[in-house]
Amino acid sequence: MEENILIRGVFNRWSPGNVIMLCSGIVVFLTDLVLPMNLGSDIDSSRIMWSLFLGIAPIGCSLFDRFNLRSCEITVTDKRIYGETTMSRKINFPIETILSVEMCSNNGFFIITNSEKVKFVYCENCIEVYNVISQLISQRHSEEVSDN
């Protein structure tokens, strides 16, 4: 039997929050530590610690989030849902095992199965993917009811 691809998720690797966090970290780091050093100002250790905390921490979090999302993908066929979630975790769910799908924040959705709940975020076409999965679930339920 041939599988028909119904939809593929399109993921935004650089979310708006991610870009804002990266830019603000760079601005804080440059204005609070690098600029005073170039102007010849004395810099004490507490200023260095605050610059590192307020500047480097957002940059690090932003880059971690970016690399965490680099492999996200989802493909919905008429028989199964497969792809990769954050941290390159592979999924492969037959349609029969999917209990529900729920919308969540950050342009995302959850796929809920008998054994787990998988989250996809920053999906540009999350509403379309959500609608296709919901339709597959309702078709499966209506087939089960008609068989009984």
Protein backbone atom coordinates (compact mmCIF):
# COMPACT_ATOMS: atom_id res chain seq x y z
CA MET A 1 0.00 0.00 0.00
CA GLU A 2 1.21 3.42 -0.95
CA GLU A 3 1.28 6.27 1.57
CA ASN A 4 0.05 9.67 0.48
CA ILE A 5 1.73 12.70 2.03
CA LEU A 6 -1.00 15.06 3.17
CA ILE A 7 1.09 17.90 4.61
CA ARG A 8 4.58 18.74 5.83
CA GLY A 9 5.27 21.13 8.67
CA VAL A 10 7.28 24.24 7.89
CA PHE A 11 9.39 25.33 10.85
CA ASN A 12 10.84 28.76 11.57
CA ARG A 13 14.33 28.15 12.92
CA TRP A 14 14.67 31.74 14.12
CA SER A 15 11.61 32.68 16.13
CA PRO A 16 10.99 36.38 16.84
CA GLY A 17 11.67 35.87 20.53
CA ASN A 18 14.91 34.13 19.69
CA VAL A 19 16.10 37.02 17.53
CA ILE A 20 15.12 39.61 20.15
CA MET A 21 16.94 37.69 22.87
CA LEU A 22 20.07 37.35 20.73
CA CYS A 23 20.12 41.02 19.73
CA SER A 24 19.44 42.28 23.26
CA GLY A 25 22.23 40.09 24.63
CA ILE A 26 24.67 41.47 22.08
CA VAL A 27 23.61 45.08 22.75
CA VAL A 28 23.90 44.68 26.54
CA PHE A 29 27.27 43.00 26.27
CA LEU A 30 28.67 45.62 23.89
CA THR A 31 27.33 48.68 25.71
CA ASP A 32 28.09 47.50 29.22
CA LEU A 33 31.49 45.88 28.83
CA VAL A 34 33.17 46.42 25.49
CA LEU A 35 32.34 50.12 24.99
CA PRO A 36 33.62 51.26 28.42
CA MET A 37 36.84 49.28 27.87
CA ASN A 38 37.42 51.06 24.56
CA LEU A 39 36.77 54.45 26.17
CA GLY A 40 39.40 53.79 28.82
CA SER A 41 37.03 53.48 31.78
CA ASP A 42 37.89 51.38 34.76
CA ILE A 43 35.89 48.18 34.96
CA ASP A 44 35.48 46.37 38.27
CA SER A 45 34.75 42.68 38.71
CA SER A 46 31.08 43.18 39.57
CA ARG A 47 30.53 45.00 36.27
CA ILE A 48 32.19 42.15 34.41
CA MET A 49 29.95 39.62 36.16
CA TRP A 50 26.77 41.58 35.39
CA SER A 51 27.82 42.01 31.76
CA LEU A 52 28.46 38.32 31.45
CA PHE A 53 25.15 37.46 33.08
CA LEU A 54 23.00 40.03 31.25
CA GLY A 55 24.79 39.76 27.92
CA ILE A 56 26.13 36.27 27.46
CA ALA A 57 23.20 34.41 29.07
CA PRO A 58 20.59 35.62 26.52
CA ILE A 59 23.01 34.95 23.67
CA GLY A 60 23.64 31.43 24.95
CA CYS A 61 19.95 30.70 25.49
CA SER A 62 19.10 32.00 22.03
CA LEU A 63 21.75 29.89 20.32
CA PHE A 64 20.77 26.81 22.35
CA ASP A 65 17.14 27.27 21.31
CA ARG A 66 18.20 27.74 17.68
CA PHE A 67 20.26 24.54 17.61
CA ASN A 68 17.57 22.70 19.56
CA LEU A 69 15.07 23.48 16.78
CA ARG A 70 17.38 22.87 13.84
CA SER A 71 16.08 19.38 13.09
CA CYS A 72 12.34 19.84 13.70
CA GLU A 73 10.19 18.39 10.98
CA ILE A 74 6.85 16.66 10.70
CA THR A 75 5.19 14.83 7.83
CA VAL A 76 1.57 13.70 7.96
CA THR A 77 0.49 10.90 5.66
CA ASP A 78 -2.79 9.04 5.42
CA LYS A 79 -1.27 6.18 7.48
CA ARG A 80 1.15 7.77 9.97
CA ILE A 81 2.89 10.84 11.32
CA TYR A 82 6.66 10.91 11.34
CA GLY A 83 9.51 13.35 11.73
CA GLU A 84 11.83 14.80 14.34
CA THR A 85 11.12 16.86 17.42
CA THR A 86 13.54 19.04 19.35
CA MET A 87 16.92 17.56 20.20
CA SER A 88 16.69 15.36 17.06
CA ARG A 89 14.23 12.92 18.65
CA LYS A 90 12.66 10.82 15.90
CA ILE A 91 8.95 9.99 16.01
CA ASN A 92 6.85 7.58 13.98
CA PHE A 93 3.20 7.23 15.01
CA PRO A 94 0.64 5.17 13.13
CA ILE A 95 -2.65 7.09 12.89
CA GLU A 96 -4.35 4.42 15.02
CA THR A 97 -2.17 5.30 18.03
CA ILE A 98 -2.94 9.04 18.03
CA LEU A 99 -5.57 10.01 20.58
CA SER A 100 -5.73 13.77 19.99
CA VAL A 101 -3.95 16.89 18.86
CA GLU A 102 -3.95 20.19 20.78
CA MET A 103 -2.83 23.71 19.92
CA CYS A 104 -0.30 25.42 22.19
CA SER A 105 1.63 28.67 22.32
CA ASN A 106 4.59 29.62 20.12
CA ASN A 107 2.86 28.48 16.91
CA GLY A 108 2.85 24.93 18.13
CA PHE A 109 0.80 21.87 18.81
CA PHE A 110 0.89 18.67 20.84
CA ILE A 111 0.35 15.19 19.43
CA ILE A 112 -1.00 12.91 22.13
CA THR A 113 -0.71 9.14 21.84
CA ASN A 114 -1.34 6.27 24.23
CA SER A 115 2.14 6.55 25.68
CA GLU A 116 3.38 10.10 25.21
CA LYS A 117 2.73 13.74 24.42
CA VAL A 118 4.99 15.30 21.77
CA LYS A 119 5.30 19.05 21.26
CA PHE A 120 6.17 20.87 18.05
CA VAL A 121 6.82 24.63 18.22
CA TYR A 122 7.52 27.48 15.79
CA CYS A 123 5.63 25.73 12.99
CA GLU A 124 4.64 28.32 10.40
CA ASN A 125 1.72 26.24 9.11
CA CYS A 126 0.68 24.81 12.49
CA ILE A 127 -3.04 25.47 11.94
CA GLU A 128 -3.03 23.54 8.66
CA VAL A 129 -1.09 20.62 10.22
CA TYR A 130 -3.44 20.67 13.22
CA ASN A 131 -6.51 20.58 10.93
CA VAL A 132 -5.16 17.68 8.85
CA ILE A 133 -4.34 15.61 11.94
CA SER A 134 -7.72 16.41 13.51
CA GLN A 135 -9.46 15.34 10.32
CA LEU A 136 -7.54 12.04 10.25
CA ILE A 137 -8.47 11.36 13.88
CA SER A 138 -12.16 12.10 13.28
CA GLN A 139 -12.17 9.91 10.14
CA ARG A 140 -10.66 7.06 12.13
CA HIS A 141 -13.28 7.47 14.87
CA SER A 142 -16.13 7.53 12.37
CA GLU A 143 -14.77 4.37 10.71
CA GLU A 144 -14.56 2.65 14.11
CA VAL A 145 -18.16 3.62 14.91
CA SER A 146 -19.44 2.41 11.52
CA ASP A 147 -17.60 -0.90 11.94
CA ASN A 148 -19.33 -1.56 15.27
